[in-house]
Amino acid sequence: MSAPQTDQRREKRREILTYAIGYALALALTGSAFAAVHWPSFPANTTLGLVFGLALVQMIVHLRCFLHVSVRRSSRDDLFLILFSTLIIILMVAGTIVIIANLHGRMM
């Protein structure tokens, strides 16, 4: 077998392993969040913080394992694009919440 074919197989195997690890981590994080809510062992605020923390870790897992975004030099443009998109979405959601809260205050 030639070297390029061996490299392609090795690369394919590594990619499948990355997907499998990402899938297992995503399942574990989702299951942990559901378990924390279903069987509450902590106060409500602590459980909420735990769920948000697990969601943040799961976002990182998805970015790394499924979208293949890393902090390497070649992937920084992708990372900046995702961060900018996230910032715009956060601003839109926060603005909507402010407007709805303002309307709620005026209606009551």
C-alpha atoms as a PDB file:
ATOM      1  CA  MET A   1       0.000   0.000   0.000  1.00  0.00           C
ATOM      2  CA  SER A   2       1.336   3.422  -0.817  1.00  0.00           C
ATOM      3  CA  ALA A   3       1.973   6.162   1.704  1.00  0.00           C
ATOM      4  CA  PRO A   4      -0.865   8.516   0.565  1.00  0.00           C
ATOM      5  CA  GLN A   5      -3.465   5.762   1.008  1.00  0.00           C
ATOM      6  CA  THR A   6      -2.133   4.951   4.461  1.00  0.00           C
ATOM      7  CA  ASP A   7      -2.238   8.619   5.421  1.00  0.00           C
ATOM      8  CA  GLN A   8      -5.811   8.931   4.147  1.00  0.00           C
ATOM      9  CA  ARG A   9      -6.911   5.902   6.154  1.00  0.00           C
ATOM     10  CA  ARG A  10      -5.184   7.183   9.258  1.00  0.00           C
ATOM     11  CA  GLU A  11      -6.810  10.597   8.799  1.00  0.00           C
ATOM     12  CA  LYS A  12     -10.232   9.001   8.271  1.00  0.00           C
ATOM     13  CA  ARG A  13      -9.810   6.836  11.376  1.00  0.00           C
ATOM     14  CA  ARG A  14      -8.793   9.879  13.423  1.00  0.00           C
ATOM     15  CA  GLU A  15     -11.809  11.828  12.172  1.00  0.00           C
ATOM     16  CA  ILE A  16     -14.206   9.004  13.064  1.00  0.00           C
ATOM     17  CA  LEU A  17     -12.602   8.758  16.509  1.00  0.00           C
ATOM     18  CA  THR A  18     -13.084  12.508  17.002  1.00  0.00           C
ATOM     19  CA  TYR A  19     -16.762  12.185  16.071  1.00  0.00           C
ATOM     20  CA  ALA A  20     -17.210   9.201  18.410  1.00  0.00           C
ATOM     21  CA  ILE A  21     -15.575  11.021  21.322  1.00  0.00           C
ATOM     22  CA  GLY A  22     -17.667  14.122  20.628  1.00  0.00           C
ATOM     23  CA  TYR A  23     -20.850  12.065  20.475  1.00  0.00           C
ATOM     24  CA  ALA A  24     -20.046  10.305  23.759  1.00  0.00           C
ATOM     25  CA  LEU A  25     -19.217  13.612  25.465  1.00  0.00           C
ATOM     26  CA  ALA A  26     -22.387  15.257  24.114  1.00  0.00           C
ATOM     27  CA  LEU A  27     -24.501  12.360  25.392  1.00  0.00           C
ATOM     28  CA  ALA A  28     -22.811  12.445  28.804  1.00  0.00           C
ATOM     29  CA  LEU A  29     -23.223  16.208  29.153  1.00  0.00           C
ATOM     30  CA  THR A  30     -26.872  16.115  28.061  1.00  0.00           C
ATOM     31  CA  GLY A  31     -27.593  13.216  30.391  1.00  0.00           C
ATOM     32  CA  SER A  32     -25.877  15.041  33.255  1.00  0.00           C
ATOM     33  CA  ALA A  33     -27.995  18.143  32.699  1.00  0.00           C
ATOM     34  CA  PHE A  34     -31.214  16.111  32.560  1.00  0.00           C
ATOM     35  CA  ALA A  35     -30.189  14.178  35.679  1.00  0.00           C
ATOM     36  CA  ALA A  36     -29.399  17.387  37.570  1.00  0.00           C
ATOM     37  CA  VAL A  37     -32.892  18.694  36.818  1.00  0.00           C
ATOM     38  CA  HIS A  38     -34.770  15.413  37.232  1.00  0.00           C
ATOM     39  CA  TRP A  39     -33.149  14.462  40.553  1.00  0.00           C
ATOM     40  CA  PRO A  40     -32.429  17.812  42.214  1.00  0.00           C
ATOM     41  CA  SER A  41     -29.672  17.463  44.802  1.00  0.00           C
ATOM     42  CA  PHE A  42     -28.788  21.148  44.955  1.00  0.00           C
ATOM     43  CA  PRO A  43     -30.736  24.369  45.442  1.00  0.00           C
ATOM     44  CA  ALA A  44     -32.476  25.743  42.338  1.00  0.00           C
ATOM     45  CA  ASN A  45     -29.855  28.452  41.683  1.00  0.00           C
ATOM     46  CA  THR A  46     -27.010  25.948  41.909  1.00  0.00           C
ATOM     47  CA  THR A  47     -28.815  23.562  39.565  1.00  0.00           C
ATOM     48  CA  LEU A  48     -29.394  26.391  37.088  1.00  0.00           C
ATOM     49  CA  GLY A  49     -25.700  27.329  37.228  1.00  0.00           C
ATOM     50  CA  LEU A  50     -24.744  23.676  36.762  1.00  0.00           C
ATOM     51  CA  VAL A  51     -26.981  23.343  33.694  1.00  0.00           C
ATOM     52  CA  PHE A  52     -25.557  26.553  32.200  1.00  0.00           C
ATOM     53  CA  GLY A  53     -22.016  25.320  32.870  1.00  0.00           C
ATOM     54  CA  LEU A  54     -22.759  21.974  31.224  1.00  0.00           C
ATOM     55  CA  ALA A  55     -24.283  23.818  28.249  1.00  0.00           C
ATOM     56  CA  LEU A  56     -21.132  25.906  27.893  1.00  0.00           C
ATOM     57  CA  VAL A  57     -18.925  22.807  27.983  1.00  0.00           C
ATOM     58  CA  GLN A  58     -21.194  21.135  25.430  1.00  0.00           C
ATOM     59  CA  MET A  59     -20.868  24.136  23.108  1.00  0.00           C
ATOM     60  CA  ILE A  60     -17.092  23.799  23.321  1.00  0.00           C
ATOM     61  CA  VAL A  61     -17.332  20.061  22.593  1.00  0.00           C
ATOM     62  CA  HIS A  62     -19.509  20.727  19.538  1.00  0.00           C
ATOM     63  CA  LEU A  63     -17.185  23.419  18.245  1.00  0.00           C
ATOM     64  CA  ARG A  64     -14.130  21.230  18.655  1.00  0.00           C
ATOM     65  CA  CYS A  65     -15.380  17.755  17.753  1.00  0.00           C
ATOM     66  CA  PHE A  66     -18.059  18.409  15.142  1.00  0.00           C
ATOM     67  CA  LEU A  67     -17.215  21.796  13.615  1.00  0.00           C
ATOM     68  CA  HIS A  68     -13.436  21.222  13.912  1.00  0.00           C
ATOM     69  CA  VAL A  69     -12.821  24.744  15.203  1.00  0.00           C
ATOM     70  CA  SER A  70      -9.582  25.072  17.115  1.00  0.00           C
ATOM     71  CA  VAL A  71      -7.316  27.901  18.210  1.00  0.00           C
ATOM     72  CA  ARG A  72      -4.644  27.042  15.668  1.00  0.00           C
ATOM     73  CA  ARG A  73      -3.587  29.816  13.341  1.00  0.00           C
ATOM     74  CA  SER A  74      -5.427  28.346  10.335  1.00  0.00           C
ATOM     75  CA  SER A  75      -8.729  28.028  12.221  1.00  0.00           C
ATOM     76  CA  ARG A  76      -8.770  31.461  13.833  1.00  0.00           C
ATOM     77  CA  ASP A  77     -10.815  33.012  11.037  1.00  0.00           C
ATOM     78  CA  ASP A  78     -13.512  30.390  11.575  1.00  0.00           C
ATOM     79  CA  LEU A  79     -13.394  30.975  15.318  1.00  0.00           C
ATOM     80  CA  PHE A  80     -13.719  34.759  14.892  1.00  0.00           C
ATOM     81  CA  LEU A  81     -16.667  34.276  12.547  1.00  0.00           C
ATOM     82  CA  ILE A  82     -18.436  32.038  15.053  1.00  0.00           C
ATOM     83  CA  LEU A  83     -17.707  34.411  17.946  1.00  0.00           C
ATOM     84  CA  PHE A  84     -18.989  37.411  15.979  1.00  0.00           C
ATOM     85  CA  SER A  85     -22.147  35.535  15.009  1.00  0.00           C
ATOM     86  CA  THR A  86     -22.650  34.568  18.642  1.00  0.00           C
ATOM     87  CA  LEU A  87     -22.238  38.187  19.727  1.00  0.00           C
ATOM     88  CA  ILE A  88     -24.851  39.361  17.214  1.00  0.00           C
ATOM     89  CA  ILE A  89     -27.306  36.673  18.341  1.00  0.00           C
ATOM     90  CA  ILE A  90     -26.760  37.552  22.013  1.00  0.00           C
ATOM     91  CA  LEU A  91     -27.378  41.235  21.269  1.00  0.00           C
ATOM     92  CA  MET A  92     -30.580  40.418  19.387  1.00  0.00           C
ATOM     93  CA  VAL A  93     -31.900  38.137  22.134  1.00  0.00           C
ATOM     94  CA  ALA A  94     -30.959  40.587  24.897  1.00  0.00           C
ATOM     95  CA  GLY A  95     -32.622  43.467  23.028  1.00  0.00           C
ATOM     96  CA  THR A  96     -35.774  41.417  22.554  1.00  0.00           C
ATOM     97  CA  ILE A  97     -35.867  40.545  26.254  1.00  0.00           C
ATOM     98  CA  VAL A  98     -35.439  44.224  27.211  1.00  0.00           C
ATOM     99  CA  ILE A  99     -38.250  45.273  24.888  1.00  0.00           C
ATOM    100  CA  ILE A 100     -40.590  42.538  26.132  1.00  0.00           C
ATOM    101  CA  ALA A 101     -39.780  43.379  29.773  1.00  0.00           C
ATOM    102  CA  ASN A 102     -40.461  47.043  29.076  1.00  0.00           C
ATOM    103  CA  LEU A 103     -43.801  46.217  27.437  1.00  0.00           C
ATOM    104  CA  HIS A 104     -44.700  43.930  30.322  1.00  0.00           C
ATOM    105  CA  GLY A 105     -43.982  46.730  32.786  1.00  0.00           C
ATOM    106  CA  ARG A 106     -46.174  49.141  30.841  1.00  0.00           C
ATOM    107  CA  MET A 107     -49.047  46.660  30.552  1.00  0.00           C
ATOM    108  CA  MET A 108     -49.154  45.864  34.262  1.00  0.00           C
END
